Every structure is written in C-alpha cells, then in structure tokens.
C-alpha cells in the first residue's frame, strides 16, 4: 500500500520560520488589541455596577456615595470580579487555538493584552466617575484602593491556560512502545 499524498492546493508546506513568526496566523495582533479595547467596556461596567458609581448591583443609597468607606471593598471586588472573568474567558479562547502553531506568542500577547486591558478598564472607570459621577475632592471619590486587582486578568489568563493545557495532556493516552523481538 502507498501512503496517500496531501493535496498541494489545500495546504502549503510550513517551515519552522512560519510557525515561529506567526505568518500562518496573520491575526496575532488581535490577541493584544482585543483585550485592550474590551478594557473600555469593562471600565464602564465597573462604574455602572460598583458602589460609588451608579451602584446597579446593590442599589443601596448608603453605598452610592463614593466617599463612603463602606463602599471601598465592594468597589474593588466588582472590578476584580470583572477582570477575573475576562481572564478566564481569554484563556478559554486560547485553549481553542492550542493545536495551531504559534501558541506561545498568542499566550504571551494575550497576557500582555490582559495587563494593558486592566489598566484601561481602571482608567475608563475613573474617567466615567469624573464625567457622570458626583463631584468629590481628590482621592476620596470613586477610585481603586487595591491596585493588585489589576493583576487578576493576566494572572487568570496564564493560570487557566496552563491548567487547560495540563488537563489536556493528562487526558492523552501514552503511545504504545513496539514490542521487542
């Protein structure tokens, strides 16, 4: 029996340089740009949902004041939850592309984009509070008290990507060794 040959019109031969530079996947820059652009929506969602912003989640008038100390932790937790959810979503999207060449650069760009997107979300939330929120003085207004919450998007992306790849490798059956004569 002969081995079937692949159709040359269906796929072009790949070289090592194509896999390393990402020429096969011309949209590698989207893994950096989409998280940064989605940071705008997350920043607006943070201001809409968090105490001190529009306070849609609780609706408690006592937490509506951005200077109230009782609203600081929930405000930080709302942003942290949004960033954590975004990191997990990014990792699931990366997992669907794990078999394609250039997975390492996509993961790096997604983590870098997540860090930049978290910074954009933070700044957009602060800008929304300045534009549409009540006038407050200095740092007593709508702000983020825990800057480490900004690390949740890139951290969740890298951790969940690692776990998904690890579970995928654990589920594979080992290749059978040929029997010795």
Protein backbone atom coordinates (compact mmCIF):
# COMPACT_ATOMS: atom_id res chain seq x y z
CA UNK A 1 0.00 0.00 0.00
CA UNK A 2 1.10 3.51 -0.67
CA UNK A 3 0.71 6.48 1.59
CA UNK A 4 -1.87 9.00 0.47
CA UNK A 5 -0.38 12.30 -0.53
CA UNK A 6 -1.83 15.57 0.53
CA UNK A 7 -3.37 17.87 -1.99
CA UNK A 8 -0.92 20.66 -2.70
CA UNK A 9 -3.72 23.11 -3.41
CA UNK A 10 -5.27 22.63 0.04
CA UNK A 11 -2.27 23.38 2.20
CA UNK A 12 1.08 24.97 1.65
CA UNK A 13 4.12 23.44 3.27
CA UNK A 14 5.09 25.04 6.53
CA UNK A 15 8.59 25.84 7.58
CA UNK A 16 10.00 26.44 11.02
CA UNK A 17 10.17 30.17 10.39
CA UNK A 18 6.45 30.30 9.51
CA UNK A 19 5.49 28.72 12.82
CA UNK A 20 7.79 30.97 14.83
CA UNK A 21 6.90 34.29 13.25
CA UNK A 22 3.17 33.74 13.01
CA UNK A 23 2.92 34.14 9.23
CA UNK A 24 0.32 31.35 9.13
CA UNK A 25 -1.92 33.21 11.54
CA UNK A 26 -1.91 36.80 10.32
CA UNK A 27 -4.20 37.99 13.08
CA UNK A 28 -1.79 37.51 16.00
CA UNK A 29 -2.07 41.19 16.90
CA UNK A 30 -5.73 40.69 17.84
CA UNK A 31 -4.63 38.85 21.00
CA UNK A 32 -3.14 42.16 22.13
CA UNK A 33 -5.67 44.62 20.70
CA UNK A 34 -8.97 42.96 21.70
CA UNK A 35 -8.23 42.85 25.46
CA UNK A 36 -7.13 46.48 25.38
CA UNK A 37 -10.30 47.51 23.54
CA UNK A 38 -12.51 45.43 25.84
CA UNK A 39 -10.97 47.27 28.78
CA UNK A 40 -13.12 50.25 27.78
CA UNK A 41 -16.31 48.22 28.22
CA UNK A 42 -15.08 46.72 31.48
CA UNK A 43 -14.27 50.16 32.87
CA UNK A 44 -17.77 51.39 32.05
CA UNK A 45 -19.27 48.22 33.54
CA UNK A 46 -17.20 48.76 36.69
CA UNK A 47 -18.55 52.26 37.11
CA UNK A 48 -22.13 51.13 36.39
CA UNK A 49 -22.10 48.19 38.81
CA UNK A 50 -19.86 49.30 41.66
CA UNK A 51 -20.80 51.22 44.79
CA UNK A 52 -19.88 54.86 44.36
CA UNK A 53 -20.71 54.68 40.65
CA UNK A 54 -24.28 54.07 39.52
CA UNK A 55 -24.47 51.26 42.09
CA UNK A 56 -26.67 48.99 39.96
CA UNK A 57 -25.79 45.80 41.86
CA UNK A 58 -26.83 46.75 45.39
CA UNK A 59 -28.98 49.83 44.87
CA UNK A 60 -28.21 50.72 48.50
CA UNK A 61 -28.29 54.52 48.83
CA UNK A 62 -25.77 54.36 51.67
CA UNK A 63 -23.20 52.88 49.25
CA UNK A 64 -23.99 55.33 46.45
CA UNK A 65 -21.73 57.96 47.98
CA UNK A 66 -18.23 57.48 46.54
CA UNK A 67 -16.64 58.89 49.70
CA UNK A 68 -18.29 56.29 51.98
CA UNK A 69 -15.71 53.92 53.40
CA UNK A 70 -18.20 51.03 53.39
CA UNK A 71 -18.21 51.02 49.57
CA UNK A 72 -14.46 50.74 49.06
CA UNK A 73 -14.10 46.96 49.34
CA UNK A 74 -17.19 46.15 47.24
CA UNK A 75 -15.99 48.64 44.60
CA UNK A 76 -12.62 46.90 44.37
CA UNK A 77 -14.27 43.47 44.35
CA UNK A 78 -16.53 44.40 41.44
CA UNK A 79 -13.54 45.35 39.30
CA UNK A 80 -11.61 42.28 40.48
CA UNK A 81 -14.52 40.01 39.53
CA UNK A 82 -14.84 41.58 36.09
CA UNK A 83 -11.10 41.20 35.45
CA UNK A 84 -11.07 37.61 36.71
CA UNK A 85 -13.96 36.70 34.44
CA UNK A 86 -12.21 38.33 31.48
CA UNK A 87 -9.00 36.41 32.19
CA UNK A 88 -10.84 33.10 32.29
CA UNK A 89 -12.69 33.91 29.07
CA UNK A 90 -9.41 34.82 27.34
CA UNK A 91 -7.83 31.55 28.46
CA UNK A 92 -10.74 29.52 27.10
CA UNK A 93 -10.36 31.29 23.76
CA UNK A 94 -6.63 30.49 23.80
CA UNK A 95 -7.36 26.84 24.53
CA UNK A 96 -9.31 26.52 21.30
CA UNK A 97 -6.17 27.53 19.38
CA UNK A 98 -3.72 25.27 21.26
CA UNK A 99 -3.15 22.88 18.36
CA UNK A 100 -2.15 25.62 15.92
CA UNK A 101 1.45 26.81 15.58
CA UNK A 102 2.40 29.97 17.44
CA UNK A 103 0.57 29.13 20.67
CA UNK A 104 3.38 30.60 22.78
CA UNK A 105 3.29 34.03 21.15
CA UNK A 106 -0.52 34.10 21.32
CA UNK A 107 -0.40 33.33 25.03
CA UNK A 108 2.25 35.99 25.64
CA UNK A 109 0.26 38.60 23.71
CA UNK A 110 -2.98 37.65 25.48
CA UNK A 111 -1.34 38.04 28.90
CA UNK A 112 0.23 41.34 27.87
CA UNK A 113 -3.10 42.50 26.40
CA UNK A 114 -4.86 41.49 29.62
CA UNK A 115 -2.49 43.63 31.67
CA UNK A 116 -3.00 46.59 29.35
CA UNK A 117 -6.77 45.97 29.27
CA UNK A 118 -6.91 46.00 33.07
CA UNK A 119 -5.14 49.36 33.14
CA UNK A 120 -7.52 50.72 30.51
CA UNK A 121 -10.54 49.44 32.47
CA UNK A 122 -9.31 51.13 35.63
CA UNK A 123 -8.72 54.46 33.90
CA UNK A 124 -12.01 54.38 31.97
CA UNK A 125 -13.88 53.69 35.21
CA UNK A 126 -12.20 56.67 36.85
CA UNK A 127 -12.94 58.83 33.82
CA UNK A 128 -16.61 57.78 33.84
CA UNK A 129 -16.80 58.72 37.52
CA UNK A 130 -15.37 62.15 36.75
CA UNK A 131 -17.75 62.75 33.86
CA UNK A 132 -21.01 61.36 35.21
CA UNK A 133 -20.47 60.98 38.96
CA UNK A 134 -20.94 63.47 41.76
CA UNK A 135 -18.18 65.97 42.32
CA UNK A 136 -15.74 64.79 45.00
CA UNK A 137 -12.43 66.02 46.24
CA UNK A 138 -9.22 64.17 45.36
CA UNK A 139 -8.77 60.53 46.24
CA UNK A 140 -11.91 60.35 48.38
CA UNK A 141 -14.08 59.70 45.33
CA UNK A 142 -14.57 56.72 43.05
CA UNK A 143 -11.18 55.01 42.97
CA UNK A 144 -9.44 51.67 43.19
CA UNK A 145 -7.88 51.07 46.60
CA UNK A 146 -6.22 47.74 45.77
CA UNK A 147 -4.02 48.06 42.69
CA UNK A 148 -3.20 44.34 42.85
CA UNK A 149 -6.68 43.67 41.46
CA UNK A 150 -5.27 44.78 38.11
CA UNK A 151 -3.11 41.64 38.04
CA UNK A 152 -6.12 39.34 38.02
CA UNK A 153 -6.74 39.46 34.26
CA UNK A 154 -3.22 38.48 33.16
CA UNK A 155 -2.84 36.12 36.12
CA UNK A 156 -6.09 34.31 35.44
CA UNK A 157 -5.27 34.07 31.73
CA UNK A 158 -1.90 32.46 32.35
CA UNK A 159 -3.08 30.15 35.16
CA UNK A 160 -6.20 28.89 33.40
CA UNK A 161 -4.28 28.42 30.13
CA UNK A 162 -1.67 26.37 31.99
CA UNK A 163 -4.34 24.25 33.68
CA UNK A 164 -6.26 23.64 30.45
CA UNK A 165 -3.09 22.52 28.66
CA UNK A 166 -2.10 20.34 31.62
CA UNK A 167 -5.51 18.65 31.77
CA UNK A 168 -5.39 18.16 28.01
CA UNK A 169 -2.03 16.45 28.27
CA UNK A 170 -3.14 14.30 31.18
CA UNK A 171 -6.10 13.05 29.19
CA UNK A 172 -3.97 11.72 26.33
CA UNK A 173 -3.10 8.07 26.27
CA UNK A 174 0.64 7.33 26.09
CA UNK A 175 1.89 5.99 22.81
CA UNK A 176 2.43 2.25 22.87
CA UNK A 177 6.03 1.11 22.63
CA UNK A 178 6.78 -1.52 19.98
CA UNK A 179 7.29 -4.97 21.37
CA UNK A 180 10.87 -6.19 21.44
CA UNK A 181 11.51 -9.28 19.23
